[in-house]
Amino acid sequence: MQNGRSKFKKEFKGRLYRFVLKLIEFLDHLPKDNVSKRLGDQLLRSSTSILGNYIEGQAASSKKDFTNYFNISLKSTNESKLWISLLRDSKRVQQKEVDWFLKELEEIGNIFASSILTLKGKR
């Protein structure tokens, strides 16, 4: 079981890393107007926070600390969905450009939420 868990952690970390790289590429192609820049900056902060807090959680000193980092990653996932939805709904990007990101954020959020419930013994 530990081997499967270790493999999942490595794959999930890679998935988060690839997500951030793809997002950086997406942000480089945003319109150059002031609102797009501000929303893009917020999206970059919240999305990189998902990965950063996941990595920090791996070095947590306690189960409570570990769970806290996962909670922060989940909150950053939800915040990222907001910023990318605002980019879409303000017509700065097209729906098809953000579909993958929103789907990926939904799946990442579900993984964090499920993990948090497991850590808290509620699942």
N, C-alpha and C. Protein backbone atom coordinates (compact mmCIF):
# COMPACT_ATOMS: atom_id res chain seq x y z
N MET A 1 0.83 -1.20 0.00
CA MET A 1 0.00 0.00 0.00
C MET A 1 0.87 1.26 0.00
N GLN A 2 1.92 1.24 0.78
CA GLN A 2 2.81 2.40 0.85
C GLN A 2 3.41 2.72 -0.52
N ASN A 3 3.73 1.68 -1.28
CA ASN A 3 4.29 1.88 -2.61
C ASN A 3 3.30 2.60 -3.52
N GLY A 4 2.02 2.22 -3.47
CA GLY A 4 0.99 2.87 -4.26
C GLY A 4 0.78 4.32 -3.84
N ARG A 5 0.85 4.55 -2.55
CA ARG A 5 0.70 5.91 -2.02
C ARG A 5 1.87 6.79 -2.46
N SER A 6 3.06 6.23 -2.41
CA SER A 6 4.25 6.95 -2.84
C SER A 6 4.19 7.29 -4.33
N LYS A 7 3.71 6.34 -5.12
CA LYS A 7 3.57 6.57 -6.56
C LYS A 7 2.54 7.67 -6.82
N PHE A 8 1.41 7.62 -6.09
CA PHE A 8 0.37 8.63 -6.26
C PHE A 8 0.92 10.02 -5.93
N LYS A 9 1.66 10.13 -4.81
CA LYS A 9 2.22 11.42 -4.42
C LYS A 9 3.12 11.99 -5.52
N LYS A 10 3.97 11.13 -6.06
CA LYS A 10 4.89 11.57 -7.11
C LYS A 10 4.13 12.00 -8.37
N GLU A 11 3.13 11.22 -8.75
CA GLU A 11 2.33 11.55 -9.94
C GLU A 11 1.52 12.82 -9.72
N PHE A 12 0.96 12.98 -8.52
CA PHE A 12 0.16 14.17 -8.22
C PHE A 12 1.03 15.43 -8.23
N LYS A 13 2.22 15.32 -7.64
CA LYS A 13 3.16 16.45 -7.65
C LYS A 13 3.50 16.82 -9.10
N GLY A 14 3.75 15.83 -9.94
CA GLY A 14 4.03 16.08 -11.35
C GLY A 14 2.85 16.72 -12.06
N ARG A 15 1.66 16.25 -11.71
CA ARG A 15 0.44 16.82 -12.32
C ARG A 15 0.29 18.29 -11.94
N LEU A 16 0.52 18.61 -10.68
CA LEU A 16 0.44 20.01 -10.24
C LEU A 16 1.49 20.86 -10.94
N TYR A 17 2.70 20.32 -11.05
CA TYR A 17 3.80 21.04 -11.69
C TYR A 17 3.48 21.32 -13.16
N ARG A 18 2.99 20.30 -13.87
CA ARG A 18 2.63 20.48 -15.29
C ARG A 18 1.47 21.47 -15.44
N PHE A 19 0.53 21.44 -14.49
CA PHE A 19 -0.58 22.39 -14.51
C PHE A 19 -0.05 23.82 -14.45
N VAL A 20 0.86 24.07 -13.52
CA VAL A 20 1.41 25.43 -13.36
C VAL A 20 2.18 25.85 -14.61
N LEU A 21 2.96 24.94 -15.18
CA LEU A 21 3.70 25.28 -16.41
C LEU A 21 2.74 25.64 -17.55
N LYS A 22 1.68 24.86 -17.69
CA LYS A 22 0.70 25.14 -18.75
C LYS A 22 -0.01 26.47 -18.48
N LEU A 23 -0.27 26.76 -17.21
CA LEU A 23 -0.92 28.01 -16.85
C LEU A 23 -0.01 29.21 -17.17
N ILE A 24 1.27 29.08 -16.89
CA ILE A 24 2.22 30.15 -17.21
C ILE A 24 2.19 30.45 -18.71
N GLU A 25 2.18 29.41 -19.50
CA GLU A 25 2.10 29.59 -20.96
C GLU A 25 0.80 30.29 -21.35
N PHE A 26 -0.31 29.87 -20.74
CA PHE A 26 -1.61 30.50 -20.99
C PHE A 26 -1.57 31.98 -20.63
N LEU A 27 -1.00 32.31 -19.47
CA LEU A 27 -0.95 33.70 -19.00
C LEU A 27 -0.11 34.57 -19.92
N ASP A 28 0.92 34.00 -20.52
CA ASP A 28 1.76 34.76 -21.45
C ASP A 28 0.98 35.22 -22.69
N HIS A 29 -0.14 34.56 -22.98
CA HIS A 29 -0.92 34.89 -24.17
C HIS A 29 -2.19 35.69 -23.86
N LEU A 30 -2.33 36.14 -22.62
CA LEU A 30 -3.50 36.96 -22.29
C LEU A 30 -3.41 38.30 -23.00
N PRO A 31 -4.56 38.94 -23.24
CA PRO A 31 -4.52 40.30 -23.78
C PRO A 31 -3.69 41.20 -22.87
N LYS A 32 -3.14 42.24 -23.42
CA LYS A 32 -2.21 43.10 -22.68
C LYS A 32 -2.91 44.27 -21.97
N ASP A 33 -4.23 44.20 -21.79
CA ASP A 33 -4.93 45.28 -21.11
C ASP A 33 -4.74 45.18 -19.58
N ASN A 34 -5.10 46.24 -18.89
CA ASN A 34 -4.88 46.36 -17.45
C ASN A 34 -5.64 45.30 -16.64
N VAL A 35 -6.89 45.06 -16.98
CA VAL A 35 -7.70 44.09 -16.23
C VAL A 35 -7.15 42.67 -16.42
N SER A 36 -6.81 42.31 -17.65
CA SER A 36 -6.24 40.98 -17.90
C SER A 36 -4.95 40.79 -17.11
N LYS A 37 -4.15 41.83 -17.04
CA LYS A 37 -2.90 41.75 -16.29
C LYS A 37 -3.17 41.50 -14.81
N ARG A 38 -4.10 42.26 -14.24
CA ARG A 38 -4.42 42.11 -12.81
C ARG A 38 -5.02 40.73 -12.50
N LEU A 39 -5.97 40.32 -13.32
CA LEU A 39 -6.57 38.99 -13.11
C LEU A 39 -5.54 37.89 -13.31
N GLY A 40 -4.68 38.07 -14.30
CA GLY A 40 -3.62 37.09 -14.56
C GLY A 40 -2.64 36.99 -13.40
N ASP A 41 -2.31 38.15 -12.82
CA ASP A 41 -1.41 38.15 -11.65
C ASP A 41 -2.04 37.39 -10.49
N GLN A 42 -3.31 37.63 -10.24
CA GLN A 42 -4.01 36.94 -9.16
C GLN A 42 -4.07 35.43 -9.43
N LEU A 43 -4.34 35.08 -10.68
CA LEU A 43 -4.41 33.67 -11.06
C LEU A 43 -3.05 32.99 -10.89
N LEU A 44 -2.00 33.67 -11.27
CA LEU A 44 -0.65 33.11 -11.11
C LEU A 44 -0.34 32.88 -9.63
N ARG A 45 -0.67 33.84 -8.78
CA ARG A 45 -0.40 33.71 -7.34
C ARG A 45 -1.17 32.53 -6.75
N SER A 46 -2.45 32.48 -7.03
CA SER A 46 -3.27 31.42 -6.41
C SER A 46 -2.91 30.04 -6.95
N SER A 47 -2.62 29.95 -8.23
CA SER A 47 -2.29 28.65 -8.82
C SER A 47 -0.93 28.13 -8.39
N THR A 48 0.05 29.01 -8.30
CA THR A 48 1.36 28.55 -7.82
C THR A 48 1.29 28.21 -6.34
N SER A 49 0.37 28.82 -5.62
CA SER A 49 0.17 28.51 -4.20
C SER A 49 -0.32 27.07 -4.01
N ILE A 50 -1.08 26.56 -4.95
CA ILE A 50 -1.56 25.17 -4.87
C ILE A 50 -0.35 24.24 -4.78
N LEU A 51 0.55 24.40 -5.73
CA LEU A 51 1.75 23.55 -5.78
C LEU A 51 2.67 23.83 -4.59
N GLY A 52 2.90 25.10 -4.29
CA GLY A 52 3.81 25.46 -3.21
C GLY A 52 3.37 24.90 -1.87
N ASN A 53 2.10 24.99 -1.57
CA ASN A 53 1.61 24.48 -0.30
C ASN A 53 1.58 22.96 -0.27
N TYR A 54 1.35 22.34 -1.40
CA TYR A 54 1.44 20.88 -1.45
C TYR A 54 2.86 20.42 -1.12
N ILE A 55 3.85 21.08 -1.72
CA ILE A 55 5.26 20.75 -1.48
C ILE A 55 5.62 21.00 -0.01
N GLU A 56 5.20 22.13 0.52
CA GLU A 56 5.47 22.44 1.92
C GLU A 56 4.83 21.39 2.84
N GLY A 57 3.64 20.94 2.48
CA GLY A 57 2.95 19.94 3.28
C GLY A 57 3.73 18.64 3.39
N GLN A 58 4.49 18.32 2.37
CA GLN A 58 5.28 17.08 2.38
C GLN A 58 6.35 17.11 3.48
N ALA A 59 6.72 18.29 3.92
CA ALA A 59 7.72 18.43 4.98
C ALA A 59 7.08 18.85 6.31
N ALA A 60 5.79 18.68 6.42
CA ALA A 60 5.08 19.10 7.63
C ALA A 60 5.58 18.35 8.86
N SER A 61 5.52 19.02 9.99
CA SER A 61 6.04 18.43 11.23
C SER A 61 4.99 17.64 12.00
N SER A 62 3.73 17.75 11.58
CA SER A 62 2.66 17.00 12.26
C SER A 62 1.51 16.76 11.28
N LYS A 63 0.62 15.87 11.67
CA LYS A 63 -0.55 15.59 10.84
C LYS A 63 -1.43 16.83 10.71
N LYS A 64 -1.54 17.58 11.81
CA LYS A 64 -2.33 18.82 11.79
C LYS A 64 -1.72 19.83 10.82
N ASP A 65 -0.41 19.98 10.86
CA ASP A 65 0.31 20.89 9.96
C ASP A 65 0.12 20.44 8.51
N PHE A 66 0.27 19.15 8.27
CA PHE A 66 0.09 18.56 6.95
C PHE A 66 -1.31 18.86 6.42
N THR A 67 -2.32 18.63 7.25
CA THR A 67 -3.71 18.89 6.87
C THR A 67 -3.92 20.37 6.57
N ASN A 68 -3.29 21.24 7.35
CA ASN A 68 -3.41 22.68 7.12
C ASN A 68 -2.88 23.08 5.74
N TYR A 69 -1.75 22.52 5.34
CA TYR A 69 -1.20 22.83 4.02
C TYR A 69 -2.16 22.36 2.91
N PHE A 70 -2.78 21.20 3.11
CA PHE A 70 -3.76 20.72 2.13
C PHE A 70 -4.97 21.64 2.08
N ASN A 71 -5.40 22.14 3.24
CA ASN A 71 -6.52 23.10 3.27
C ASN A 71 -6.19 24.36 2.49
N ILE A 72 -4.97 24.85 2.66
CA ILE A 72 -4.56 26.05 1.93
C ILE A 72 -4.52 25.77 0.43
N SER A 73 -4.01 24.61 0.04
CA SER A 73 -4.00 24.23 -1.39
C SER A 73 -5.41 24.17 -1.94
N LEU A 74 -6.34 23.61 -1.17
CA LEU A 74 -7.74 23.54 -1.61
C LEU A 74 -8.32 24.94 -1.78
N LYS A 75 -8.07 25.82 -0.84
CA LYS A 75 -8.56 27.20 -0.94
C LYS A 75 -7.96 27.90 -2.16
N SER A 76 -6.68 27.67 -2.41
CA SER A 76 -6.03 28.27 -3.59
C SER A 76 -6.61 27.71 -4.88
N THR A 77 -7.00 26.45 -4.87
CA THR A 77 -7.64 25.84 -6.03
C THR A 77 -8.97 26.54 -6.32
N ASN A 78 -9.75 26.75 -5.28
CA ASN A 78 -11.04 27.43 -5.44
C ASN A 78 -10.86 28.87 -5.89
N GLU A 79 -9.86 29.55 -5.35
CA GLU A 79 -9.57 30.93 -5.75
C GLU A 79 -9.15 30.98 -7.23
N SER A 80 -8.35 30.01 -7.65
CA SER A 80 -7.91 29.96 -9.06
C SER A 80 -9.09 29.80 -9.99
N LYS A 81 -10.09 29.01 -9.59
CA LYS A 81 -11.30 28.85 -10.41
C LYS A 81 -12.01 30.19 -10.56
N LEU A 82 -12.02 30.99 -9.51
CA LEU A 82 -12.64 32.31 -9.58
C LEU A 82 -11.95 33.19 -10.61
N TRP A 83 -10.61 33.31 -10.52
CA TRP A 83 -9.88 34.21 -11.42
C TRP A 83 -10.00 33.78 -12.87
N ILE A 84 -9.93 32.48 -13.11
CA ILE A 84 -10.01 32.03 -14.51
C ILE A 84 -11.43 32.20 -15.04
N SER A 85 -12.42 32.05 -14.17
CA SER A 85 -13.81 32.28 -14.58
C SER A 85 -14.05 33.76 -14.88
N LEU A 86 -13.44 34.63 -14.10
CA LEU A 86 -13.57 36.06 -14.38
C LEU A 86 -12.91 36.44 -15.71
N LEU A 87 -11.78 35.84 -16.01
CA LEU A 87 -11.15 36.09 -17.32
C LEU A 87 -12.09 35.65 -18.44
N ARG A 88 -12.71 34.51 -18.27
CA ARG A 88 -13.64 33.99 -19.28
C ARG A 88 -14.88 34.86 -19.38
N ASP A 89 -15.51 35.16 -18.24
CA ASP A 89 -16.79 35.87 -18.25
C ASP A 89 -16.65 37.35 -18.61
N SER A 90 -15.46 37.90 -18.48
CA SER A 90 -15.23 39.29 -18.90
C SER A 90 -14.79 39.35 -20.36
N LYS A 91 -14.86 38.21 -21.01
CA LYS A 91 -14.58 38.09 -22.45
C LYS A 91 -13.13 38.37 -22.82
N ARG A 92 -12.22 38.15 -21.87
CA ARG A 92 -10.80 38.33 -22.18
C ARG A 92 -10.20 37.08 -22.80
N VAL A 93 -10.83 35.95 -22.54
CA VAL A 93 -10.45 34.67 -23.16
C VAL A 93 -11.73 33.94 -23.53
N GLN A 94 -11.60 32.97 -24.41
CA GLN A 94 -12.77 32.20 -24.83
C GLN A 94 -12.95 30.98 -23.95
N GLN A 95 -14.20 30.52 -23.90
CA GLN A 95 -14.55 29.35 -23.09
C GLN A 95 -13.62 28.17 -23.38
N LYS A 96 -13.39 27.89 -24.65
CA LYS A 96 -12.57 26.72 -25.00
C LYS A 96 -11.14 26.84 -24.50
N GLU A 97 -10.66 28.08 -24.29
CA GLU A 97 -9.30 28.28 -23.78
C GLU A 97 -9.18 27.92 -22.30
N VAL A 98 -10.28 27.99 -21.57
CA VAL A 98 -10.22 27.76 -20.13
C VAL A 98 -10.87 26.45 -19.68
N ASP A 99 -11.54 25.77 -20.59
CA ASP A 99 -12.22 24.52 -20.22
C ASP A 99 -11.28 23.53 -19.52
N TRP A 100 -10.11 23.31 -20.11
CA TRP A 100 -9.19 22.34 -19.54
C TRP A 100 -8.75 22.76 -18.14
N PHE A 101 -8.45 24.06 -17.96
CA PHE A 101 -8.00 24.55 -16.66
C PHE A 101 -9.08 24.37 -15.60
N LEU A 102 -10.32 24.71 -15.94
CA LEU A 102 -11.41 24.57 -14.98
C LEU A 102 -11.65 23.10 -14.61
N LYS A 103 -11.58 22.23 -15.60
CA LYS A 103 -11.75 20.79 -15.33
C LYS A 103 -10.62 20.27 -14.46
N GLU A 104 -9.41 20.67 -14.78
CA GLU A 104 -8.24 20.23 -14.00
C GLU A 104 -8.32 20.77 -12.57
N LEU A 105 -8.71 22.02 -12.40
CA LEU A 105 -8.85 22.59 -11.07
C LEU A 105 -9.93 21.87 -10.27
N GLU A 106 -11.01 21.49 -10.93
CA GLU A 106 -12.07 20.74 -10.26
C GLU A 106 -11.55 19.40 -9.76
N GLU A 107 -10.82 18.70 -10.60
CA GLU A 107 -10.27 17.40 -10.21
C GLU A 107 -9.23 17.55 -9.10
N ILE A 108 -8.36 18.53 -9.21
CA ILE A 108 -7.35 18.78 -8.17
C ILE A 108 -8.04 19.11 -6.85
N GLY A 109 -9.05 19.95 -6.91
CA GLY A 109 -9.80 20.30 -5.70
C GLY A 109 -10.45 19.08 -5.07
N ASN A 110 -11.00 18.21 -5.88
CA ASN A 110 -11.63 16.99 -5.36
C ASN A 110 -10.60 16.09 -4.68
N ILE A 111 -9.41 16.02 -5.23
CA ILE A 111 -8.34 15.21 -4.62
C ILE A 111 -7.96 15.79 -3.25
N PHE A 112 -7.78 17.11 -3.19
CA PHE A 112 -7.45 17.73 -1.90
C PHE A 112 -8.59 17.54 -0.89
N ALA A 113 -9.82 17.76 -1.32
CA ALA A 113 -10.96 17.64 -0.41
C ALA A 113 -11.08 16.21 0.13
N SER A 114 -10.92 15.24 -0.73
CA SER A 114 -10.98 13.84 -0.31
C SER A 114 -9.85 13.51 0.66
N SER A 115 -8.66 14.01 0.36
CA SER A 115 -7.51 13.78 1.23
C SER A 115 -7.72 14.40 2.61
N ILE A 116 -8.28 15.59 2.63
CA ILE A 116 -8.53 16.28 3.90
C ILE A 116 -9.53 15.49 4.74
N LEU A 117 -10.59 15.01 4.10
CA LEU A 117 -11.57 14.20 4.83
C LEU A 117 -10.93 12.94 5.40
N THR A 118 -10.09 12.30 4.60
CA THR A 118 -9.38 11.11 5.07
C THR A 118 -8.47 11.44 6.25
N LEU A 119 -7.72 12.53 6.12
CA LEU A 119 -6.82 12.94 7.20
C LEU A 119 -7.56 13.25 8.49
N LYS A 120 -8.76 13.78 8.36
CA LYS A 120 -9.55 14.13 9.55
C LYS A 120 -10.36 12.94 10.06
N GLY A 121 -10.21 11.79 9.38
CA GLY A 121 -10.91 10.60 9.81
C GLY A 121 -12.40 10.61 9.53
N LYS A 122 -12.81 11.42 8.58
CA LYS A 122 -14.23 11.53 8.23
C LYS A 122 -14.59 10.72 7.00
N ARG A 123 -13.61 9.94 6.53
CA ARG A 123 -13.83 9.14 5.33
C ARG A 123 -13.02 7.89 5.38
